[in-house]
PDB file of N, CA and C in Angstrom:
ATOM      1  N   MET A   1      87.561  20.544 133.984  1.00  0.00           N
ATOM      2  CA  MET A   1      87.281  21.259 135.205  1.00  0.00           C
ATOM      3  C   MET A   1      88.240  20.818 136.311  1.00  0.00           C
ATOM      4  N   LYS A   2      88.474  19.523 136.390  1.00  0.00           N
ATOM      5  CA  LYS A   2      89.363  19.006 137.425  1.00  0.00           C
ATOM      6  C   LYS A   2      90.770  19.581 137.280  1.00  0.00           C
ATOM      7  N   ALA A   3      91.264  19.626 136.034  1.00  0.00           N
ATOM      8  CA  ALA A   3      92.606  20.157 135.800  1.00  0.00           C
ATOM      9  C   ALA A   3      92.686  21.626 136.207  1.00  0.00           C
ATOM     10  N   ALA A   4      91.666  22.392 135.885  1.00  0.00           N
ATOM     11  CA  ALA A   4      91.651  23.811 136.267  1.00  0.00           C
ATOM     12  C   ALA A   4      91.620  23.958 137.781  1.00  0.00           C
ATOM     13  N   ARG A   5      90.845  23.118 138.448  1.00  0.00           N
ATOM     14  CA  ARG A   5      90.768  23.170 139.917  1.00  0.00           C
ATOM     15  C   ARG A   5      92.122  22.841 140.528  1.00  0.00           C
ATOM     16  N   LYS A   6      92.772  21.818 139.990  1.00  0.00           N
ATOM     17  CA  LYS A   6      94.081  21.424 140.526  1.00  0.00           C
ATOM     18  C   LYS A   6      95.142  22.497 140.268  1.00  0.00           C
ATOM     19  N   ARG A   7      95.062  23.169 139.104  1.00  0.00           N
ATOM     20  CA  ARG A   7      96.015  24.252 138.833  1.00  0.00           C
ATOM     21  C   ARG A   7      95.878  25.372 139.866  1.00  0.00           C
ATOM     22  N   ARG A   8      94.682  25.545 140.404  1.00  0.00           N
ATOM     23  CA  ARG A   8      94.443  26.573 141.429  1.00  0.00           C
ATOM     24  C   ARG A   8      94.705  26.041 142.839  1.00  0.00           C
ATOM     25  N   ASN A   9      95.163  24.791 142.917  1.00  0.00           N
ATOM     26  CA  ASN A   9      95.428  24.144 144.211  1.00  0.00           C
ATOM     27  C   ASN A   9      94.193  24.148 145.117  1.00  0.00           C
ATOM     28  N   LEU A  10      93.046  23.864 144.508  1.00  0.00           N
ATOM     29  CA  LEU A  10      91.799  23.810 145.262  1.00  0.00           C
ATOM     30  C   LEU A  10      91.346  22.359 145.395  1.00  0.00           C
ATOM     31  N   SER A  11      90.913  21.989 146.568  1.00  0.00           N
ATOM     32  CA  SER A  11      90.264  20.691 146.745  1.00  0.00           C
ATOM     33  C   SER A  11      88.816  20.827 146.287  1.00  0.00           C
ATOM     34  N   GLN A  12      88.166  19.711 146.077  1.00  0.00           N
ATOM     35  CA  GLN A  12      86.747  19.769 145.751  1.00  0.00           C
ATOM     36  C   GLN A  12      85.982  20.443 146.887  1.00  0.00           C
ATOM     37  N   GLN A  13      86.366  20.132 148.109  1.00  0.00           N
ATOM     38  CA  GLN A  13      85.693  20.714 149.272  1.00  0.00           C
ATOM     39  C   GLN A  13      85.848  22.231 149.287  1.00  0.00           C
ATOM     40  N   ARG A  14      87.060  22.719 149.052  1.00  0.00           N
ATOM     41  CA  ARG A  14      87.295  24.168 149.084  1.00  0.00           C
ATOM     42  C   ARG A  14      86.540  24.869 147.957  1.00  0.00           C
ATOM     43  N   LEU A  15      86.542  24.279 146.765  1.00  0.00           N
ATOM     44  CA  LEU A  15      85.799  24.872 145.654  1.00  0.00           C
ATOM     45  C   LEU A  15      84.310  24.917 145.992  1.00  0.00           C
ATOM     46  N   ALA A  16      83.806  23.842 146.574  1.00  0.00           N
ATOM     47  CA  ALA A  16      82.399  23.809 146.985  1.00  0.00           C
ATOM     48  C   ALA A  16      82.098  24.939 147.962  1.00  0.00           C
ATOM     49  N   GLU A  17      82.983  25.150 148.909  1.00  0.00           N
ATOM     50  CA  GLU A  17      82.792  26.235 149.890  1.00  0.00           C
ATOM     51  C   GLU A  17      82.774  27.595 149.206  1.00  0.00           C
ATOM     52  N   LEU A  18      83.691  27.802 148.261  1.00  0.00           N
ATOM     53  CA  LEU A  18      83.746  29.078 147.548  1.00  0.00           C
ATOM     54  C   LEU A  18      82.457  29.348 146.772  1.00  0.00           C
ATOM     55  N   LEU A  19      81.829  28.277 146.297  1.00  0.00           N
ATOM     56  CA  LEU A  19      80.633  28.412 145.466  1.00  0.00           C
ATOM     57  C   LEU A  19      79.337  28.259 146.257  1.00  0.00           C
ATOM     58  N   GLY A  20      79.463  27.963 147.546  1.00  0.00           N
ATOM     59  CA  GLY A  20      78.259  27.760 148.340  1.00  0.00           C
ATOM     60  C   GLY A  20      77.531  26.477 147.979  1.00  0.00           C
ATOM     61  N   ARG A  21      78.281  25.458 147.598  1.00  0.00           N
ATOM     62  CA  ARG A  21      77.723  24.169 147.216  1.00  0.00           C
ATOM     63  C   ARG A  21      78.315  23.084 148.109  1.00  0.00           C
ATOM     64  N   GLU A  22      77.842  21.865 147.921  1.00  0.00           N
ATOM     65  CA  GLU A  22      78.367  20.709 148.652  1.00  0.00           C
ATOM     66  C   GLU A  22      79.423  20.014 147.798  1.00  0.00           C
ATOM     67  N   GLN A  23      80.373  19.354 148.447  1.00  0.00           N
ATOM     68  CA  GLN A  23      81.457  18.671 147.739  1.00  0.00           C
ATOM     69  C   GLN A  23      80.946  17.635 146.739  1.00  0.00           C
ATOM     70  N   PRO A  24      79.904  16.846 147.055  1.00  0.00           N
ATOM     71  CA  PRO A  24      79.423  15.890 146.042  1.00  0.00           C
ATOM     72  C   PRO A  24      78.935  16.561 144.754  1.00  0.00           C
ATOM     73  N   THR A  25      78.461  17.793 144.859  1.00  0.00           N
ATOM     74  CA  THR A  25      78.048  18.526 143.659  1.00  0.00           C
ATOM     75  C   THR A  25      79.251  18.760 142.745  1.00  0.00           C
ATOM     76  N   ILE A  26      80.350  19.185 143.330  1.00  0.00           N
ATOM     77  CA  ILE A  26      81.584  19.422 142.558  1.00  0.00           C
ATOM     78  C   ILE A  26      82.043  18.109 141.934  1.00  0.00           C
ATOM     79  N   GLN A  27      81.975  17.034 142.699  1.00  0.00           N
ATOM     80  CA  GLN A  27      82.374  15.723 142.196  1.00  0.00           C
ATOM     81  C   GLN A  27      81.522  15.321 140.983  1.00  0.00           C
ATOM     82  N   ARG A  28      80.221  15.553 141.042  1.00  0.00           N
ATOM     83  CA  ARG A  28      79.341  15.226 139.910  1.00  0.00           C
ATOM     84  C   ARG A  28      79.656  16.103 138.708  1.00  0.00           C
ATOM     85  N   TRP A  29      79.941  17.385 138.946  1.00  0.00           N
ATOM     86  CA  TRP A  29      80.293  18.271 137.836  1.00  0.00           C
ATOM     87  C   TRP A  29      81.549  17.764 137.144  1.00  0.00           C
ATOM     88  N   GLU A  30      82.565  17.419 137.939  1.00  0.00           N
ATOM     89  CA  GLU A  30      83.835  16.955 137.358  1.00  0.00           C
ATOM     90  C   GLU A  30      83.666  15.643 136.607  1.00  0.00           C
ATOM     91  N   ALA A  31      82.762  14.803 137.064  1.00  0.00           N
ATOM     92  CA  ALA A  31      82.529  13.508 136.416  1.00  0.00           C
ATOM     93  C   ALA A  31      81.629  13.644 135.192  1.00  0.00           C
ATOM     94  N   GLY A  32      81.098  14.838 134.965  1.00  0.00           N
ATOM     95  CA  GLY A  32      80.209  15.046 133.830  1.00  0.00           C
ATOM     96  C   GLY A  32      78.811  14.504 134.049  1.00  0.00           C
ATOM     97  N   LYS A  33      78.473  14.205 135.303  1.00  0.00           N
ATOM     98  CA  LYS A  33      77.145  13.655 135.613  1.00  0.00           C
ATOM     99  C   LYS A  33      76.107  14.752 135.790  1.00  0.00           C
ATOM    100  N   SER A  34      76.569  15.964 136.029  1.00  0.00           N
ATOM    101  CA  SER A  34      75.681  17.121 136.107  1.00  0.00           C
ATOM    102  C   SER A  34      76.520  18.357 135.824  1.00  0.00           C
ATOM    103  N   ALA A  35      75.873  19.500 135.833  1.00  0.00           N
ATOM    104  CA  ALA A  35      76.559  20.762 135.537  1.00  0.00           C
ATOM    105  C   ALA A  35      75.855  21.869 136.310  1.00  0.00           C
ATOM    106  N   PRO A  36      76.509  23.016 136.442  1.00  0.00           N
ATOM    107  CA  PRO A  36      75.822  24.139 137.088  1.00  0.00           C
ATOM    108  C   PRO A  36      74.488  24.400 136.390  1.00  0.00           C
ATOM    109  N   LYS A  37      73.466  24.645 137.172  1.00  0.00           N
ATOM    110  CA  LYS A  37      72.111  24.783 136.622  1.00  0.00           C
ATOM    111  C   LYS A  37      71.792  26.185 136.116  1.00  0.00           C
ATOM    112  N   THR A  38      72.568  27.169 136.549  1.00  0.00           N
ATOM    113  CA  THR A  38      72.292  28.548 136.133  1.00  0.00           C
ATOM    114  C   THR A  38      73.536  29.184 135.545  1.00  0.00           C
ATOM    115  N   LEU A  39      73.316  30.159 134.688  1.00  0.00           N
ATOM    116  CA  LEU A  39      74.436  30.895 134.103  1.00  0.00           C
ATOM    117  C   LEU A  39      75.250  31.622 135.174  1.00  0.00           C
ATOM    118  N   PRO A  40      74.609  32.294 136.146  1.00  0.00           N
ATOM    119  CA  PRO A  40      75.412  32.943 137.188  1.00  0.00           C
ATOM    120  C   PRO A  40      76.307  31.960 137.952  1.00  0.00           C
ATOM    121  N   MET A  41      75.820  30.742 138.202  1.00  0.00           N
ATOM    122  CA  MET A  41      76.660  29.753 138.894  1.00  0.00           C
ATOM    123  C   MET A  41      77.815  29.330 137.996  1.00  0.00           C
ATOM    124  N   PHE A  42      77.562  29.168 136.695  1.00  0.00           N
ATOM    125  CA  PHE A  42      78.624  28.808 135.762  1.00  0.00           C
ATOM    126  C   PHE A  42      79.693  29.898 135.718  1.00  0.00           C
ATOM    127  N   VAL A  43      79.274  31.151 135.688  1.00  0.00           N
ATOM    128  CA  VAL A  43      80.218  32.282 135.686  1.00  0.00           C
ATOM    129  C   VAL A  43      81.022  32.289 136.980  1.00  0.00           C
ATOM    130  N   GLN A  44      80.355  32.047 138.094  1.00  0.00           N
ATOM    131  CA  GLN A  44      81.044  32.008 139.387  1.00  0.00           C
ATOM    132  C   GLN A  44      82.073  30.874 139.406  1.00  0.00           C
ATOM    133  N   LEU A  45      81.724  29.735 138.818  1.00  0.00           N
ATOM    134  CA  LEU A  45      82.656  28.615 138.734  1.00  0.00           C
ATOM    135  C   LEU A  45      83.877  28.993 137.891  1.00  0.00           C
ATOM    136  N   CYS A  46      83.645  29.614 136.742  1.00  0.00           N
ATOM    137  CA  CYS A  46      84.763  30.060 135.893  1.00  0.00           C
ATOM    138  C   CYS A  46      85.673  31.011 136.658  1.00  0.00           C
ATOM    139  N   ASP A  47      85.075  31.953 137.375  1.00  0.00           N
ATOM    140  CA  ASP A  47      85.861  32.911 138.150  1.00  0.00           C
ATOM    141  C   ASP A  47      86.674  32.212 139.233  1.00  0.00           C
ATOM    142  N   ALA A  48      86.050  31.275 139.937  1.00  0.00           N
ATOM    143  CA  ALA A  48      86.747  30.563 141.016  1.00  0.00           C
ATOM    144  C   ALA A  48      87.920  29.748 140.473  1.00  0.00           C
ATOM    145  N   LEU A  49      87.762  29.213 139.258  1.00  0.00           N
ATOM    146  CA  LEU A  49      88.826  28.403 138.656  1.00  0.00           C
ATOM    147  C   LEU A  49      89.830  29.243 137.872  1.00  0.00           C
ATOM    148  N   GLY A  50      89.495  30.512 137.646  1.00  0.00           N
ATOM    149  CA  GLY A  50      90.406  31.385 136.909  1.00  0.00           C
ATOM    150  C   GLY A  50      90.521  31.018 135.449  1.00  0.00           C
ATOM    151  N   VAL A  51      89.407  30.548 134.860  1.00  0.00           N
ATOM    152  CA  VAL A  51      89.424  30.165 133.448  1.00  0.00           C
ATOM    153  C   VAL A  51      88.255  30.823 132.727  1.00  0.00           C
ATOM    154  N   SER A  52      88.363  30.895 131.415  1.00  0.00           N
ATOM    155  CA  SER A  52      87.275  31.435 130.612  1.00  0.00           C
ATOM    156  C   SER A  52      86.180  30.388 130.462  1.00  0.00           C
ATOM    157  N   ALA A  53      85.006  30.838 130.087  1.00  0.00           N
ATOM    158  CA  ALA A  53      83.904  29.912 129.816  1.00  0.00           C
ATOM    159  C   ALA A  53      84.287  28.975 128.674  1.00  0.00           C
ATOM    160  N   ASP A  54      84.934  29.505 127.639  1.00  0.00           N
ATOM    161  CA  ASP A  54      85.371  28.664 126.518  1.00  0.00           C
ATOM    162  C   ASP A  54      86.291  27.551 127.002  1.00  0.00           C
ATOM    163  N   ALA A  55      87.223  27.901 127.863  1.00  0.00           N
ATOM    164  CA  ALA A  55      88.160  26.895 128.370  1.00  0.00           C
ATOM    165  C   ALA A  55      87.423  25.817 129.154  1.00  0.00           C
ATOM    166  N   LEU A  56      86.504  26.230 129.999  1.00  0.00           N
ATOM    167  CA  LEU A  56      85.782  25.263 130.818  1.00  0.00           C
ATOM    168  C   LEU A  56      84.869  24.378 129.972  1.00  0.00           C
ATOM    169  N   LEU A  57      84.366  24.917 128.882  1.00  0.00           N
ATOM    170  CA  LEU A  57      83.507  24.141 127.989  1.00  0.00           C
ATOM    171  C   LEU A  57      84.300  23.273 127.011  1.00  0.00           C
ATOM    172  N   GLY A  58      85.635  23.413 127.043  1.00  0.00           N
ATOM    173  CA  GLY A  58      86.468  22.608 126.171  1.00  0.00           C
ATOM    174  C   GLY A  58      86.607  23.157 124.765  1.00  0.00           C
ATOM    175  N   ARG A  59      86.177  24.392 124.570  1.00  0.00           N
ATOM    176  CA  ARG A  59      86.342  25.023 123.257  1.00  0.00           C
ATOM    177  C   ARG A  59      87.779  25.487 123.134  1.00  0.00           C
ATOM    178  N   GLN A  60      88.247  25.637 121.930  1.00  0.00           N
ATOM    179  CA  GLN A  60      89.632  26.044 121.730  1.00  0.00           C
ATOM    180  C   GLN A  60      89.691  27.473 121.214  1.00  0.00           C
ATOM    181  N   PRO A  61      89.761  28.456 122.140  1.00  0.00           N
ATOM    182  CA  PRO A  61      89.849  29.837 121.709  1.00  0.00           C
ATOM    183  C   PRO A  61      91.263  30.225 121.273  1.00  0.00           C
ATOM    184  N   VAL A  62      92.181  29.280 121.347  1.00  0.00           N
ATOM    185  CA  VAL A  62      93.582  29.538 121.019  1.00  0.00           C
ATOM    186  C   VAL A  62      93.931  28.748 119.767  1.00  0.00           C
ATOM    187  N   PRO A  63      94.576  29.383 118.791  1.00  0.00           N
ATOM    188  CA  PRO A  63      94.950  28.652 117.582  1.00  0.00           C
ATOM    189  C   PRO A  63      95.967  27.557 117.883  1.00  0.00           C
ATOM    190  N   SER A  64      95.943  26.512 117.076  1.00  0.00           N
ATOM    191  CA  SER A  64      96.896  25.413 117.254  1.00  0.00           C
ATOM    192  C   SER A  64      98.292  25.853 116.818  1.00  0.00           C
ATOM    193  N   ALA A  65      99.287  25.097 117.257  1.00  0.00           N
ATOM    194  CA  ALA A  65     100.668  25.382 116.863  1.00  0.00           C
ATOM    195  C   ALA A  65     100.826  25.251 115.351  1.00  0.00           C
ATOM    196  N   ASP A  66     100.118  24.296 114.739  1.00  0.00           N
ATOM    197  CA  ASP A  66     100.209  24.126 113.284  1.00  0.00           C
ATOM    198  C   ASP A  66      99.666  25.356 112.551  1.00  0.00           C
ATOM    199  N   TYR A  67      98.560  25.903 113.051  1.00  0.00           N
ATOM    200  CA  TYR A  67      97.991  27.106 112.445  1.00  0.00           C
ATOM    201  C   TYR A  67      98.960  28.286 112.601  1.00  0.00           C
ATOM    202  N   LEU A  68      99.559  28.414 113.792  1.00  0.00           N
ATOM    203  CA  LEU A  68     100.527  29.492 114.019  1.00  0.00           C
ATOM    204  C   LEU A  68     101.748  29.326 113.117  1.00  0.00           C
ATOM    205  N   LEU A  69     102.157  28.097 112.904  1.00  0.00           N
ATOM    206  CA  LEU A  69     103.289  27.833 112.010  1.00  0.00           C
ATOM    207  C   LEU A  69     102.968  28.303 110.595  1.00  0.00           C
ATOM    208  N   LYS A  70     101.745  28.069 110.147  1.00  0.00           N
ATOM    209  CA  LYS A  70     101.327  28.514 108.819  1.00  0.00           C
ATOM    210  C   LYS A  70     101.385  30.047 108.736  1.00  0.00           C
ATOM    211  N   ILE A  71     100.951  30.726 109.792  1.00  0.00           N
ATOM    212  CA  ILE A  71     101.005  32.197 109.817  1.00  0.00           C
ATOM    213  C   ILE A  71     102.446  32.682 109.783  1.00  0.00           C
ATOM    214  N   ILE A  72     103.314  32.020 110.534  1.00  0.00           N
ATOM    215  CA  ILE A  72     104.739  32.387 110.530  1.00  0.00           C
ATOM    216  C   ILE A  72     105.308  32.215 109.132  1.00  0.00           C
ATOM    217  N   ASP A  73     104.995  31.106 108.482  1.00  0.00           N
ATOM    218  CA  ASP A  73     105.496  30.858 107.116  1.00  0.00           C
ATOM    219  C   ASP A  73     105.009  31.937 106.147  1.00  0.00           C
ATOM    220  N   GLU A  74     103.722  32.313 106.269  1.00  0.00           N
ATOM    221  CA  GLU A  74     103.181  33.353 105.392  1.00  0.00           C
ATOM    222  C   GLU A  74     103.852  34.702 105.655  1.00  0.00           C
ATOM    223  N   ALA A  75     104.145  34.989 106.899  1.00  0.00           N
ATOM    224  CA  ALA A  75     104.790  36.258 107.246  1.00  0.00           C
ATOM    225  C   ALA A  75     106.229  36.314 106.740  1.00  0.00           C
ATOM    226  N   MET A  76     106.835  35.155 106.542  1.00  0.00           N
ATOM    227  CA  MET A  76     108.232  35.107 106.128  1.00  0.00           C
ATOM    228  C   MET A  76     108.408  35.111 104.614  1.00  0.00           C
ATOM    229  N   ILE A  77     107.319  35.114 103.843  1.00  0.00           N
ATOM    230  CA  ILE A  77     107.418  35.118 102.375  1.00  0.00           C
ATOM    231  C   ILE A  77     108.201  36.356 101.941  1.00  0.00           C
ATOM    232  N   GLY A  78     109.206  36.129 101.118  1.00  0.00           N
ATOM    233  CA  GLY A  78     110.030  37.222 100.617  1.00  0.00           C
ATOM    234  C   GLY A  78     111.113  37.663 101.595  1.00  0.00           C
ATOM    235  N   ARG A  79     111.223  36.984 102.691  1.00  0.00           N
ATOM    236  CA  ARG A  79     112.256  37.311 103.689  1.00  0.00           C
ATOM    237  C   ARG A  79     113.165  36.107 103.862  1.00  0.00           C
ATOM    238  N   ARG A  80     114.229  36.334 104.560  1.00  0.00           N
ATOM    239  CA  ARG A  80     115.148  35.235 104.839  1.00  0.00           C
ATOM    240  C   ARG A  80     114.419  34.184 105.666  1.00  0.00           C
ATOM    241  N   ALA A  81     114.392  32.971 105.185  1.00  0.00           N
ATOM    242  CA  ALA A  81     113.648  31.898 105.836  1.00  0.00           C
ATOM    243  C   ALA A  81     114.342  31.442 107.125  1.00  0.00           C
ATOM    244  N   LEU A  82     113.539  31.148 108.101  1.00  0.00           N
ATOM    245  CA  LEU A  82     114.051  30.549 109.329  1.00  0.00           C
ATOM    246  C   LEU A  82     114.113  29.038 109.147  1.00  0.00           C
ATOM    247  N   PRO A  83     115.058  28.395 109.800  1.00  0.00           N
ATOM    248  CA  PRO A  83     115.079  26.927 109.731  1.00  0.00           C
ATOM    249  C   PRO A  83     113.760  26.361 110.272  1.00  0.00           C
ATOM    250  N   ALA A  84     113.351  25.224 109.740  1.00  0.00           N
ATOM    251  CA  ALA A  84     112.078  24.613 110.130  1.00  0.00           C
ATOM    252  C   ALA A  84     111.996  24.386 111.637  1.00  0.00           C
ATOM    253  N   ALA A  85     113.085  23.951 112.235  1.00  0.00           N
ATOM    254  CA  ALA A  85     113.074  23.682 113.680  1.00  0.00           C
ATOM    255  C   ALA A  85     112.820  24.971 114.470  1.00  0.00           C
ATOM    256  N   ASP A  86     113.397  26.082 114.010  1.00  0.00           N
ATOM    257  CA  ASP A  86     113.188  27.367 114.691  1.00  0.00           C
ATOM    258  C   ASP A  86     111.746  27.840 114.536  1.00  0.00           C
ATOM    259  N   ARG A  87     111.186  27.667 113.343  1.00  0.00           N
ATOM    260  CA  ARG A  87     109.790  28.061 113.121  1.00  0.00           C
ATOM    261  C   ARG A  87     108.864  27.251 114.017  1.00  0.00           C
ATOM    262  N   ARG A  88     109.116  25.949 114.132  1.00  0.00           N
ATOM    263  CA  ARG A  88     108.298  25.082 114.981  1.00  0.00           C
ATOM    264  C   ARG A  88     108.440  25.487 116.453  1.00  0.00           C
ATOM    265  N   THR A  89     109.654  25.805 116.880  1.00  0.00           N
ATOM    266  CA  THR A  89     109.873  26.225 118.269  1.00  0.00           C
ATOM    267  C   THR A  89     109.095  27.496 118.575  1.00  0.00           C
ATOM    268  N   ILE A  90     109.117  28.437 117.647  1.00  0.00           N
ATOM    269  CA  ILE A  90     108.385  29.694 117.827  1.00  0.00           C
ATOM    270  C   ILE A  90     106.879  29.424 117.886  1.00  0.00           C
ATOM    271  N   ALA A  91     106.371  28.616 116.971  1.00  0.00           N
ATOM    272  CA  ALA A  91     104.934  28.311 116.944  1.00  0.00           C
ATOM    273  C   ALA A  91     104.506  27.604 118.227  1.00  0.00           C
ATOM    274  N   ASP A  92     105.299  26.645 118.681  1.00  0.00           N
ATOM    275  CA  ASP A  92     104.966  25.924 119.917  1.00  0.00           C
ATOM    276  C   ASP A  92     104.981  26.862 121.127  1.00  0.00           C
ATOM    277  N   ALA A  93     105.973  27.749 121.187  1.00  0.00           N
ATOM    278  CA  ALA A  93     106.064  28.689 122.308  1.00  0.00           C
ATOM    279  C   ALA A  93     104.883  29.658 122.307  1.00  0.00           C
ATOM    280  N   LEU A  94     104.507  30.149 121.128  1.00  0.00           N
ATOM    281  CA  LEU A  94     103.349  31.040 121.035  1.00  0.00           C
ATOM    282  C   LEU A  94     102.067  30.337 121.480  1.00  0.00           C
ATOM    283  N   CYS A  95     101.882  29.122 121.012  1.00  0.00           N
ATOM    284  CA  CYS A  95     100.695  28.357 121.368  1.00  0.00           C
ATOM    285  C   CYS A  95     100.642  28.122 122.878  1.00  0.00           C
ATOM    286  N   LYS A  96     101.765  27.738 123.453  1.00  0.00           N
ATOM    287  CA  LYS A  96     101.839  27.493 124.896  1.00  0.00           C
ATOM    288  C   LYS A  96     101.500  28.759 125.674  1.00  0.00           C
ATOM    289  N   ARG A  97     102.053  29.874 125.249  1.00  0.00           N
ATOM    290  CA  ARG A  97     101.809  31.147 125.930  1.00  0.00           C
ATOM    291  C   ARG A  97     100.344  31.572 125.808  1.00  0.00           C
ATOM    292  N   LEU A  98      99.760  31.419 124.629  1.00  0.00           N
ATOM    293  CA  LEU A  98      98.356  31.776 124.424  1.00  0.00           C
ATOM    294  C   LEU A  98      97.438  30.881 125.254  1.00  0.00           C
ATOM    295  N   ARG A  99      97.748  29.584 125.314  1.00  0.00           N
ATOM    296  CA  ARG A  99      96.932  28.665 126.112  1.00  0.00           C
ATOM    297  C   ARG A  99      97.021  29.022 127.589  1.00  0.00           C
ATOM    298  N   ARG A 100      98.209  29.341 128.057  1.00  0.00           N
ATOM    299  CA  ARG A 100      98.377  29.716 129.468  1.00  0.00           C
ATOM    300  C   ARG A 100      97.591  30.985 129.775  1.00  0.00           C
ATOM    301  N   SER A 101      97.642  31.974 128.889  1.00  0.00           N
ATOM    302  CA  SER A 101      96.936  33.217 129.139  1.00  0.00           C
ATOM    303  C   SER A 101      95.418  33.041 129.086  1.00  0.00           C
ATOM    304  N   ALA A 102      94.952  31.982 128.386  1.00  0.00           N
ATOM    305  CA  ALA A 102      93.520  31.688 128.320  1.00  0.00           C
ATOM    306  C   ALA A 102      93.078  30.763 129.450  1.00  0.00           C
ATOM    307  N   GLY A 103      94.048  30.361 130.288  1.00  0.00           N
ATOM    308  CA  GLY A 103      93.704  29.486 131.397  1.00  0.00           C
ATOM    309  C   GLY A 103      93.546  28.041 131.004  1.00  0.00           C
ATOM    310  N   LEU A 104      94.113  27.666 129.867  1.00  0.00           N
ATOM    311  CA  LEU A 104      94.013  26.292 129.372  1.00  0.00           C
ATOM    312  C   LEU A 104      95.274  25.527 129.722  1.00  0.00           C
ATOM    313  N   PRO A 105      95.181  24.211 129.804  1.00  0.00           N
ATOM    314  CA  PRO A 105      96.396  23.423 130.046  1.00  0.00           C
ATOM    315  C   PRO A 105      97.348  23.567 128.864  1.00  0.00           C
ATOM    316  N   GLU A 106      98.623  23.571 129.149  1.00  0.00           N
ATOM    317  CA  GLU A 106      99.635  23.729 128.102  1.00  0.00           C
ATOM    318  C   GLU A 106      99.824  22.422 127.384  1.00  0.00           C
TER     319      GLU A 106
END
């Protein structure tokens, strides 16, 4: 949550204001000592941070670079093979782009 807040250039105080909460509440949420008590508040928090619920919950809705590399290798069967370094670069770039579009840290 803290990383998402910082990516949006929001202070704890400003995020609290956007959500109609007090700054210590945001601090407790970030420390994992408490969490939003209602689903609507959780959705509002996701919206304010510009991230998906999965991202905020720490779930990985984006495939790993290793998984993408496996897909690239399977797609290349019977075709001219790309050098391993190029395949890895493509997989890493895809993963980075997918994570960014999901609002996750790269």
